[in-house]
């Protein structure tokens, strides 16, 4: 399986709280929901549908998993909702317990077991393991050099600060652009694969 990162990202590299005002206000972030005015159903929706078709499992950090677990279970009847509710899910957390995993099927990965768990997922046959949101988890995966692809929806807005996904450890990591599309709202939908 391949580890694929999918993010809504601002021009200045912010991924925090794209979906709603109360999604993540850490650090006084006040631009929650910034991505919504730029959503283009034709191009971005199509890209998300293609991602779902290639994905056999989802990997989340605790906060993103909790947001998604609070949003999707009640939305049955729409193809994306049915898919995301049924697909295999993994959440990385040292604070959640097995009893908290009410959004099935979800398995728990402890932070100290992350590298071994991701290595085991990568060795399994199958499609992609997709990571959406989960900024700290994505940074850890990039630092560990286990990311195979970045799917970035680069949106035409500067947010002036907030959570990002890119490591600041001084290491160079090369990716190759394999596809790009521009939406009517000015979003660049770009897929980058790890250059080996």
Foldseek 3Di string as FASTA:
>chain_A
DAEEEEAAAEPVFAGPQCCAQVLDCPPNQGCHVVNVVLDDCVVVVVVVVVVLVQDQEEEEEDSVVVVCLVPQPVDPDDVVSVSVLAHEYEYEDPPDDPVNPPSPPYDYDYPVCVVVVLVVVVPDDGGYHYYYRRQVVLLVCVVVVRHFKYWYFYAHDDRPDHGHRHDPPPDDWDWAWDDWDAHPSGTITTMTGGDD
